[in-house]
Amino acid sequence: MGGRSSRMGTPKHNVVLQNGKTMMDVMLQFARATAKKTVVVGGDIDKQISIHDHRPGLGPVAGIEALLTSNLDTRYLIVGCDMPLLRADTVQPLFVDGDAVFYSGKENDIPSSLPLVISSNCAASCSSYLNNGGRSIHGFLHELTCTIVQRPVGVEQRLSSINTREQLDNCTLE
């Protein structure tokens, strides 16, 4: 969490969904069903392990750097706080060998960047990418040797981020 949320107009983690829960509430519920440990990067959430970016204002890659250098674990599933349709069974195929694992894109276009399973072995590459002015997750992933998993059929909506009020209005939770 922690981006500017300029298209949404308000911090996305606090946006209330149709079910009355915030996006953050839904994502924490997802994390508890998926992982042994949940870490919030970019801000503080009550009763959660939280890590702040070491380089505030440099976007999500700076958050990834903070996580990879935290020594909380050696491998992480990274998701955005704006992915409330994500389910544990949707990310399960990403848990294969590899330092950076993510899904292929729709119809073989640019690969999806999130969800992403990434190893702390990528920390130095992440820092170097940021030091050289890089900011995008896609750009960072192009610096790594990645394992790309074929995107399962029919999961596009579950993998989408909710970035605008229009997308929020069209978001139907299962």
C-alpha atoms as a PDB file:
ATOM      1  CA  MET A   1       0.000   0.000   0.000  1.00  0.00           C
ATOM      2  CA  GLY A   2       1.092   3.571  -0.130  1.00  0.00           C
ATOM      3  CA  GLY A   3       0.823   4.773  -3.704  1.00  0.00           C
ATOM      4  CA  ARG A   4      -0.730   8.096  -4.662  1.00  0.00           C
ATOM      5  CA  SER A   5      -4.019   6.494  -5.830  1.00  0.00           C
ATOM      6  CA  SER A   6      -4.439   9.435  -8.205  1.00  0.00           C
ATOM      7  CA  ARG A   7      -6.937   7.643 -10.460  1.00  0.00           C
ATOM      8  CA  MET A   8      -9.052   6.486  -7.503  1.00  0.00           C
ATOM      9  CA  GLY A   9      -8.869   9.856  -5.739  1.00  0.00           C
ATOM     10  CA  THR A  10      -8.384   8.312  -2.287  1.00  0.00           C
ATOM     11  CA  PRO A  11      -5.968   5.745  -0.813  1.00  0.00           C
ATOM     12  CA  LYS A  12      -7.081   2.451  -2.339  1.00  0.00           C
ATOM     13  CA  HIS A  13      -6.461   0.370   0.770  1.00  0.00           C
ATOM     14  CA  ASN A  14      -9.222   2.364   2.525  1.00  0.00           C
ATOM     15  CA  VAL A  15     -11.780   2.112  -0.311  1.00  0.00           C
ATOM     16  CA  VAL A  16     -14.939   0.336   0.857  1.00  0.00           C
ATOM     17  CA  LEU A  17     -16.174  -2.463  -1.410  1.00  0.00           C
ATOM     18  CA  GLN A  18     -19.752  -3.606  -2.036  1.00  0.00           C
ATOM     19  CA  ASN A  19     -19.504  -6.087   0.848  1.00  0.00           C
ATOM     20  CA  GLY A  20     -18.758  -3.273   3.329  1.00  0.00           C
ATOM     21  CA  LYS A  21     -15.106  -4.244   3.801  1.00  0.00           C
ATOM     22  CA  THR A  22     -12.144  -2.148   2.726  1.00  0.00           C
ATOM     23  CA  MET A  23      -9.800  -3.391   0.017  1.00  0.00           C
ATOM     24  CA  MET A  24      -7.172  -3.847   2.739  1.00  0.00           C
ATOM     25  CA  ASP A  25      -9.555  -5.962   4.851  1.00  0.00           C
ATOM     26  CA  VAL A  26     -10.237  -8.215   1.862  1.00  0.00           C
ATOM     27  CA  MET A  27      -6.541  -8.496   0.978  1.00  0.00           C
ATOM     28  CA  LEU A  28      -5.590  -9.355   4.571  1.00  0.00           C
ATOM     29  CA  GLN A  29      -8.262 -12.051   4.565  1.00  0.00           C
ATOM     30  CA  PHE A  30      -6.783 -13.367   1.291  1.00  0.00           C
ATOM     31  CA  ALA A  31      -3.273 -13.306   2.778  1.00  0.00           C
ATOM     32  CA  ARG A  32      -4.314 -15.233   5.887  1.00  0.00           C
ATOM     33  CA  ALA A  33      -5.832 -17.932   3.659  1.00  0.00           C
ATOM     34  CA  THR A  34      -2.733 -18.094   1.462  1.00  0.00           C
ATOM     35  CA  ALA A  35       0.400 -17.537   3.529  1.00  0.00           C
ATOM     36  CA  LYS A  36       1.971 -18.399   6.866  1.00  0.00           C
ATOM     37  CA  LYS A  37       2.831 -14.767   7.555  1.00  0.00           C
ATOM     38  CA  THR A  38       1.403 -11.478   6.306  1.00  0.00           C
ATOM     39  CA  VAL A  39       3.511  -8.357   5.878  1.00  0.00           C
ATOM     40  CA  VAL A  40       2.094  -4.960   4.929  1.00  0.00           C
ATOM     41  CA  VAL A  41       4.555  -2.822   2.997  1.00  0.00           C
ATOM     42  CA  GLY A  42       4.287   0.949   2.762  1.00  0.00           C
ATOM     43  CA  GLY A  43       2.281   1.822   5.855  1.00  0.00           C
ATOM     44  CA  ASP A  44       1.042   0.688   9.236  1.00  0.00           C
ATOM     45  CA  ILE A  45      -2.005  -1.502   9.777  1.00  0.00           C
ATOM     46  CA  ASP A  46      -3.041  -2.487  13.303  1.00  0.00           C
ATOM     47  CA  LYS A  47      -1.987  -5.971  14.381  1.00  0.00           C
ATOM     48  CA  GLN A  48       0.056  -6.551  11.204  1.00  0.00           C
ATOM     49  CA  ILE A  49       3.773  -6.791  10.601  1.00  0.00           C
ATOM     50  CA  SER A  50       4.478  -3.569   8.687  1.00  0.00           C
ATOM     51  CA  ILE A  51       7.519  -2.387   6.756  1.00  0.00           C
ATOM     52  CA  HIS A  52       8.063   1.130   5.471  1.00  0.00           C
ATOM     53  CA  ASP A  53       9.775   1.857   2.177  1.00  0.00           C
ATOM     54  CA  HIS A  54      13.440   2.767   2.574  1.00  0.00           C
ATOM     55  CA  ARG A  55      12.986   5.119  -0.381  1.00  0.00           C
ATOM     56  CA  PRO A  56       9.572   6.788   0.008  1.00  0.00           C
ATOM     57  CA  GLY A  57       7.994   8.119  -3.160  1.00  0.00           C
ATOM     58  CA  LEU A  58       9.796   5.772  -5.537  1.00  0.00           C
ATOM     59  CA  GLY A  59       6.821   3.501  -6.162  1.00  0.00           C
ATOM     60  CA  PRO A  60       6.148  -0.189  -5.691  1.00  0.00           C
ATOM     61  CA  VAL A  61       9.674  -1.355  -6.533  1.00  0.00           C
ATOM     62  CA  ALA A  62      10.928   0.539  -3.468  1.00  0.00           C
ATOM     63  CA  GLY A  63       8.389  -1.394  -1.412  1.00  0.00           C
ATOM     64  CA  ILE A  64       9.622  -4.647  -2.924  1.00  0.00           C
ATOM     65  CA  GLU A  65      13.186  -3.644  -2.033  1.00  0.00           C
ATOM     66  CA  ALA A  66      12.168  -2.990   1.592  1.00  0.00           C
ATOM     67  CA  LEU A  67      10.498  -6.397   1.775  1.00  0.00           C
ATOM     68  CA  LEU A  68      13.375  -8.294   0.130  1.00  0.00           C
ATOM     69  CA  THR A  69      15.896  -6.739   2.515  1.00  0.00           C
ATOM     70  CA  SER A  70      13.733  -7.243   5.634  1.00  0.00           C
ATOM     71  CA  ASN A  71      15.037 -10.757   6.356  1.00  0.00           C
ATOM     72  CA  LEU A  72      11.519 -11.762   7.437  1.00  0.00           C
ATOM     73  CA  ASP A  73      11.698 -14.696   5.029  1.00  0.00           C
ATOM     74  CA  THR A  74      13.522 -15.804   1.898  1.00  0.00           C
ATOM     75  CA  ARG A  75      10.571 -15.933  -0.519  1.00  0.00           C
ATOM     76  CA  TYR A  76       7.490 -13.742  -0.791  1.00  0.00           C
ATOM     77  CA  LEU A  77       4.157 -13.594  -2.585  1.00  0.00           C
ATOM     78  CA  ILE A  78       3.601  -9.961  -3.519  1.00  0.00           C
ATOM     79  CA  VAL A  79       0.107  -8.681  -4.285  1.00  0.00           C
ATOM     80  CA  GLY A  80      -1.360  -5.200  -4.469  1.00  0.00           C
ATOM     81  CA  CYS A  81      -3.823  -3.892  -1.907  1.00  0.00           C
ATOM     82  CA  ASP A  82      -6.084  -3.157  -4.895  1.00  0.00           C
ATOM     83  CA  MET A  83      -6.629  -6.788  -5.981  1.00  0.00           C
ATOM     84  CA  PRO A  84      -9.750  -7.751  -3.968  1.00  0.00           C
ATOM     85  CA  LEU A  85     -10.890 -10.433  -6.417  1.00  0.00           C
ATOM     86  CA  LEU A  86      -7.718 -12.494  -5.928  1.00  0.00           C
ATOM     87  CA  ARG A  87      -8.129 -15.976  -4.469  1.00  0.00           C
ATOM     88  CA  ALA A  88      -5.672 -18.470  -3.001  1.00  0.00           C
ATOM     89  CA  ASP A  89      -6.309 -21.001  -5.767  1.00  0.00           C
ATOM     90  CA  THR A  90      -5.515 -18.327  -8.360  1.00  0.00           C
ATOM     91  CA  VAL A  91      -1.980 -17.771  -7.042  1.00  0.00           C
ATOM     92  CA  GLN A  92      -1.165 -21.403  -6.208  1.00  0.00           C
ATOM     93  CA  PRO A  93       0.422 -22.130  -9.642  1.00  0.00           C
ATOM     94  CA  LEU A  94       3.058 -19.452  -8.903  1.00  0.00           C
ATOM     95  CA  PHE A  95       4.599 -21.492  -6.103  1.00  0.00           C
ATOM     96  CA  VAL A  96       7.193 -23.236  -8.270  1.00  0.00           C
ATOM     97  CA  ASP A  97      10.993 -23.018  -8.317  1.00  0.00           C
ATOM     98  CA  GLY A  98      12.470 -19.729  -9.429  1.00  0.00           C
ATOM     99  CA  ASP A  99      13.730 -16.460  -7.986  1.00  0.00           C
ATOM    100  CA  ALA A 100      10.955 -14.441  -9.660  1.00  0.00           C
ATOM    101  CA  VAL A 101       7.752 -16.159 -10.767  1.00  0.00           C
ATOM    102  CA  PHE A 102       4.738 -14.507 -12.364  1.00  0.00           C
ATOM    103  CA  TYR A 103       1.999 -15.128 -14.928  1.00  0.00           C
ATOM    104  CA  SER A 104       2.209 -14.655 -18.654  1.00  0.00           C
ATOM    105  CA  GLY A 105       0.064 -11.828 -19.947  1.00  0.00           C
ATOM    106  CA  LYS A 106      -3.208 -12.023 -21.812  1.00  0.00           C
ATOM    107  CA  GLU A 107      -2.677 -13.483 -25.265  1.00  0.00           C
ATOM    108  CA  ASN A 108       1.124 -13.516 -24.743  1.00  0.00           C
ATOM    109  CA  ASP A 109       1.478  -9.750 -24.389  1.00  0.00           C
ATOM    110  CA  ILE A 110       3.454  -8.095 -21.584  1.00  0.00           C
ATOM    111  CA  PRO A 111       3.578 -10.487 -18.621  1.00  0.00           C
ATOM    112  CA  SER A 112       1.571  -9.680 -15.527  1.00  0.00           C
ATOM    113  CA  SER A 113       3.706  -8.166 -12.796  1.00  0.00           C
ATOM    114  CA  LEU A 114       1.414  -8.989  -9.869  1.00  0.00           C
ATOM    115  CA  PRO A 115       0.882 -11.348  -8.265  1.00  0.00           C
ATOM    116  CA  LEU A 116       4.583 -12.108  -8.049  1.00  0.00           C
ATOM    117  CA  VAL A 117       6.524 -14.717  -6.093  1.00  0.00           C
ATOM    118  CA  ILE A 118      10.036 -13.414  -5.517  1.00  0.00           C
ATOM    119  CA  SER A 119      13.117 -14.514  -3.605  1.00  0.00           C
ATOM    120  CA  SER A 120      15.294 -12.388  -1.374  1.00  0.00           C
ATOM    121  CA  ASN A 121      18.087 -13.414  -3.806  1.00  0.00           C
ATOM    122  CA  CYS A 122      16.712 -10.592  -6.001  1.00  0.00           C
ATOM    123  CA  ALA A 123      17.359  -7.869  -3.392  1.00  0.00           C
ATOM    124  CA  ALA A 124      20.657  -6.645  -4.881  1.00  0.00           C
ATOM    125  CA  SER A 125      19.145  -6.476  -8.387  1.00  0.00           C
ATOM    126  CA  CYS A 126      16.204  -4.528  -6.980  1.00  0.00           C
ATOM    127  CA  SER A 127      18.477  -1.997  -5.282  1.00  0.00           C
ATOM    128  CA  SER A 128      20.596  -1.646  -8.418  1.00  0.00           C
ATOM    129  CA  TYR A 129      17.490  -1.103 -10.557  1.00  0.00           C
ATOM    130  CA  LEU A 130      16.302   1.665  -8.222  1.00  0.00           C
ATOM    131  CA  ASN A 131      19.802   3.216  -8.045  1.00  0.00           C
ATOM    132  CA  ASN A 132      19.802   3.430 -11.848  1.00  0.00           C
ATOM    133  CA  GLY A 133      16.485   5.314 -11.897  1.00  0.00           C
ATOM    134  CA  GLY A 134      14.159   2.375 -12.558  1.00  0.00           C
ATOM    135  CA  ARG A 135      10.681   2.576 -11.072  1.00  0.00           C
ATOM    136  CA  SER A 136       8.302   0.111 -12.773  1.00  0.00           C
ATOM    137  CA  ILE A 137       7.754  -3.462 -11.674  1.00  0.00           C
ATOM    138  CA  HIS A 138       7.794  -4.553 -15.341  1.00  0.00           C
ATOM    139  CA  GLY A 139      11.178  -2.901 -15.845  1.00  0.00           C
ATOM    140  CA  PHE A 140      12.569  -4.505 -12.709  1.00  0.00           C
ATOM    141  CA  LEU A 141      11.379  -7.952 -13.783  1.00  0.00           C
ATOM    142  CA  HIS A 142      13.112  -7.494 -17.144  1.00  0.00           C
ATOM    143  CA  GLU A 143      16.381  -7.226 -15.172  1.00  0.00           C
ATOM    144  CA  LEU A 144      15.888 -10.708 -13.670  1.00  0.00           C
ATOM    145  CA  THR A 145      15.909 -14.277 -14.873  1.00  0.00           C
ATOM    146  CA  CYS A 146      12.243 -15.068 -14.375  1.00  0.00           C
ATOM    147  CA  THR A 147      10.000 -18.086 -14.447  1.00  0.00           C
ATOM    148  CA  ILE A 148       6.835 -17.244 -16.340  1.00  0.00           C
ATOM    149  CA  VAL A 149       3.844 -19.464 -15.622  1.00  0.00           C
ATOM    150  CA  GLN A 150       1.090 -19.769 -18.212  1.00  0.00           C
ATOM    151  CA  ARG A 151      -1.851 -17.713 -17.011  1.00  0.00           C
ATOM    152  CA  PRO A 152      -4.803 -20.006 -16.232  1.00  0.00           C
ATOM    153  CA  VAL A 153      -7.817 -19.530 -18.480  1.00  0.00           C
ATOM    154  CA  GLY A 154     -10.603 -17.381 -17.056  1.00  0.00           C
ATOM    155  CA  VAL A 155      -8.694 -15.630 -14.246  1.00  0.00           C
ATOM    156  CA  GLU A 156      -8.187 -12.212 -15.860  1.00  0.00           C
ATOM    157  CA  GLN A 157     -10.785 -10.504 -13.657  1.00  0.00           C
ATOM    158  CA  ARG A 158      -9.404 -12.095 -10.470  1.00  0.00           C
ATOM    159  CA  LEU A 159      -5.916 -10.836 -11.356  1.00  0.00           C
ATOM    160  CA  SER A 160      -7.033  -7.291 -12.077  1.00  0.00           C
ATOM    161  CA  SER A 161      -6.319  -4.244  -9.960  1.00  0.00           C
ATOM    162  CA  ILE A 162      -9.087  -1.807  -9.069  1.00  0.00           C
ATOM    163  CA  ASN A 163      -7.658   1.602  -9.955  1.00  0.00           C
ATOM    164  CA  THR A 164     -10.678   3.811 -10.713  1.00  0.00           C
ATOM    165  CA  ARG A 165     -14.171   4.485  -9.342  1.00  0.00           C
ATOM    166  CA  GLU A 166     -15.606   3.021 -12.554  1.00  0.00           C
ATOM    167  CA  GLN A 167     -13.709  -0.242 -12.032  1.00  0.00           C
ATOM    168  CA  LEU A 168     -14.866  -0.239  -8.416  1.00  0.00           C
ATOM    169  CA  ASP A 169     -18.493   0.171  -9.484  1.00  0.00           C
ATOM    170  CA  ASN A 170     -18.118  -2.773 -11.888  1.00  0.00           C
ATOM    171  CA  CYS A 171     -16.344  -4.980  -9.315  1.00  0.00           C
ATOM    172  CA  THR A 172     -18.456  -7.935  -8.221  1.00  0.00           C
ATOM    173  CA  LEU A 173     -17.091  -9.884  -5.290  1.00  0.00           C
ATOM    174  CA  GLU A 174     -17.721 -13.612  -5.188  1.00  0.00           C
END
